[in-house]
């Protein structure tokens, strides 16, 4: 796949995403959405440990 094809596919993906939140005329439309944050890398625990160590002078 050459760079033009890659660019074209990325543009199509962007437009598909925009269509989810626009009406037939292209005006923005609010829709109910759900966002989820998954802490698969353990970032939350790492930040808490780092903060605790910094506060304790370690």
N, C-alpha and C. Protein backbone atom coordinates (compact mmCIF):
# COMPACT_ATOMS: atom_id res chain seq x y z
N UNK A 1 0.85 -1.17 0.00
CA UNK A 1 0.00 0.00 0.00
C UNK A 1 0.90 1.24 0.00
N UNK A 2 0.67 2.11 -0.96
CA UNK A 2 1.52 3.31 -1.03
C UNK A 2 0.98 4.43 -0.15
N UNK A 3 1.73 5.50 -0.04
CA UNK A 3 1.37 6.59 0.87
C UNK A 3 0.07 7.28 0.48
N UNK A 4 -0.24 7.35 -0.81
CA UNK A 4 -1.51 7.96 -1.23
C UNK A 4 -2.70 7.13 -0.77
N UNK A 5 -2.58 5.82 -0.86
CA UNK A 5 -3.66 4.94 -0.40
C UNK A 5 -3.85 5.05 1.11
N UNK A 6 -2.75 5.12 1.82
CA UNK A 6 -2.82 5.26 3.27
C UNK A 6 -3.50 6.57 3.64
N UNK A 7 -3.10 7.66 3.00
CA UNK A 7 -3.69 8.97 3.24
C UNK A 7 -5.20 8.95 2.94
N UNK A 8 -5.58 8.31 1.85
CA UNK A 8 -6.98 8.23 1.45
C UNK A 8 -7.80 7.44 2.48
N UNK A 9 -7.26 6.34 2.96
CA UNK A 9 -7.95 5.54 3.98
C UNK A 9 -8.12 6.31 5.28
N UNK A 10 -7.09 7.04 5.68
CA UNK A 10 -7.17 7.85 6.89
C UNK A 10 -8.23 8.94 6.75
N UNK A 11 -8.28 9.57 5.58
CA UNK A 11 -9.28 10.61 5.33
C UNK A 11 -10.69 10.03 5.40
N UNK A 12 -10.89 8.85 4.84
CA UNK A 12 -12.19 8.18 4.89
C UNK A 12 -12.59 7.89 6.33
N UNK A 13 -11.65 7.44 7.14
CA UNK A 13 -11.93 7.15 8.55
C UNK A 13 -12.34 8.42 9.29
N UNK A 14 -11.65 9.53 9.02
CA UNK A 14 -12.00 10.79 9.66
C UNK A 14 -13.41 11.22 9.28
N UNK A 15 -13.74 11.11 8.00
CA UNK A 15 -15.07 11.51 7.55
C UNK A 15 -16.15 10.63 8.15
N UNK A 16 -15.89 9.33 8.27
CA UNK A 16 -16.87 8.44 8.90
C UNK A 16 -17.14 8.86 10.33
N UNK A 17 -16.10 9.21 11.04
CA UNK A 17 -16.26 9.64 12.43
C UNK A 17 -17.06 10.93 12.53
N UNK A 18 -16.83 11.84 11.61
CA UNK A 18 -17.56 13.11 11.62
C UNK A 18 -19.04 12.89 11.29
N UNK A 19 -19.31 11.93 10.42
CA UNK A 19 -20.70 11.66 10.04
C UNK A 19 -21.52 11.17 11.23
N UNK A 20 -20.88 10.55 12.18
CA UNK A 20 -21.60 10.08 13.36
C UNK A 20 -22.20 11.22 14.16
N UNK A 21 -21.58 12.39 14.06
CA UNK A 21 -22.01 13.54 14.86
C UNK A 21 -22.46 14.71 14.00
N UNK A 22 -23.02 14.42 12.83
CA UNK A 22 -23.58 15.48 12.00
C UNK A 22 -24.87 14.97 11.35
N UNK A 23 -25.76 15.92 11.02
CA UNK A 23 -27.01 15.53 10.39
C UNK A 23 -26.83 15.45 8.87
N UNK A 24 -27.94 15.27 8.15
CA UNK A 24 -27.86 15.11 6.70
C UNK A 24 -27.31 16.33 5.97
N UNK A 25 -27.42 17.50 6.58
CA UNK A 25 -26.92 18.72 5.95
C UNK A 25 -25.47 19.01 6.32
N UNK A 26 -24.90 18.21 7.22
CA UNK A 26 -23.52 18.40 7.63
C UNK A 26 -23.36 19.24 8.88
N UNK A 27 -24.48 19.71 9.45
CA UNK A 27 -24.41 20.50 10.68
C UNK A 27 -24.12 19.58 11.86
N UNK A 28 -23.35 20.05 12.82
CA UNK A 28 -23.05 19.23 14.00
C UNK A 28 -24.32 18.83 14.73
N UNK A 29 -24.34 17.62 15.23
CA UNK A 29 -25.49 17.09 15.96
C UNK A 29 -24.98 16.38 17.20
N UNK A 30 -25.51 16.76 18.34
CA UNK A 30 -25.12 16.11 19.59
C UNK A 30 -25.80 14.76 19.69
N UNK A 31 -25.06 13.78 20.07
CA UNK A 31 -25.60 12.43 20.29
C UNK A 31 -25.05 11.92 21.61
N UNK A 32 -25.78 11.02 22.20
CA UNK A 32 -25.27 10.40 23.42
C UNK A 32 -24.04 9.58 23.08
N UNK A 33 -23.04 9.70 23.89
CA UNK A 33 -21.79 8.99 23.67
C UNK A 33 -21.30 8.41 24.98
N UNK A 34 -20.49 7.41 24.87
CA UNK A 34 -19.89 6.79 26.04
C UNK A 34 -18.39 6.74 25.84
N UNK A 35 -17.67 7.12 26.86
CA UNK A 35 -16.21 7.03 26.81
C UNK A 35 -15.77 6.18 28.00
N UNK A 36 -14.80 5.35 27.76
CA UNK A 36 -14.28 4.50 28.83
C UNK A 36 -12.76 4.64 28.88
N UNK A 37 -12.25 4.69 30.08
CA UNK A 37 -10.80 4.75 30.27
C UNK A 37 -10.36 3.41 30.85
N UNK A 38 -9.49 2.75 30.15
CA UNK A 38 -8.97 1.47 30.62
C UNK A 38 -7.52 1.67 31.03
N UNK A 39 -7.22 1.34 32.26
CA UNK A 39 -5.87 1.51 32.77
C UNK A 39 -5.11 0.19 32.64
N UNK A 40 -4.88 -0.21 31.41
CA UNK A 40 -4.24 -1.50 31.14
C UNK A 40 -2.77 -1.51 31.52
N UNK A 41 -2.14 -0.36 31.57
CA UNK A 41 -0.71 -0.30 31.86
C UNK A 41 -0.40 -0.03 33.33
N UNK A 42 -1.44 0.15 34.16
CA UNK A 42 -1.20 0.39 35.57
C UNK A 42 -0.75 1.81 35.87
N UNK A 43 -1.11 2.75 35.04
CA UNK A 43 -0.69 4.14 35.20
C UNK A 43 -1.15 4.72 36.53
N UNK A 44 -2.38 4.43 36.91
CA UNK A 44 -2.94 4.99 38.14
C UNK A 44 -2.08 4.61 39.34
N UNK A 45 -1.73 3.33 39.46
CA UNK A 45 -0.92 2.89 40.58
C UNK A 45 0.48 3.49 40.53
N UNK A 46 1.04 3.58 39.34
CA UNK A 46 2.39 4.14 39.19
C UNK A 46 2.41 5.61 39.63
N UNK A 47 1.40 6.36 39.26
CA UNK A 47 1.34 7.77 39.63
C UNK A 47 1.17 7.91 41.14
N UNK A 48 0.32 7.11 41.74
CA UNK A 48 0.12 7.18 43.19
C UNK A 48 1.41 6.86 43.93
N UNK A 49 2.13 5.85 43.48
CA UNK A 49 3.39 5.47 44.11
C UNK A 49 4.41 6.59 43.96
N UNK A 50 4.53 7.13 42.78
CA UNK A 50 5.48 8.22 42.53
C UNK A 50 5.16 9.43 43.41
N UNK A 51 3.88 9.78 43.49
CA UNK A 51 3.46 10.93 44.30
C UNK A 51 3.74 10.67 45.77
N UNK A 52 3.45 9.48 46.25
CA UNK A 52 3.69 9.14 47.65
C UNK A 52 5.18 9.19 47.95
N UNK A 53 6.02 8.67 47.08
CA UNK A 53 7.47 8.69 47.28
C UNK A 53 7.99 10.13 47.32
N UNK A 54 7.47 10.97 46.44
CA UNK A 54 7.91 12.37 46.39
C UNK A 54 7.53 13.09 47.67
N UNK A 55 6.34 12.82 48.19
CA UNK A 55 5.88 13.47 49.42
C UNK A 55 6.65 13.00 50.65
N UNK A 56 7.12 11.77 50.60
CA UNK A 56 7.87 11.20 51.72
C UNK A 56 9.37 11.49 51.64
N UNK A 57 9.78 12.21 50.61
CA UNK A 57 11.18 12.57 50.48
C UNK A 57 12.07 11.44 49.97
N UNK A 58 11.53 10.48 49.30
CA UNK A 58 12.34 9.37 48.77
C UNK A 58 12.90 9.69 47.44
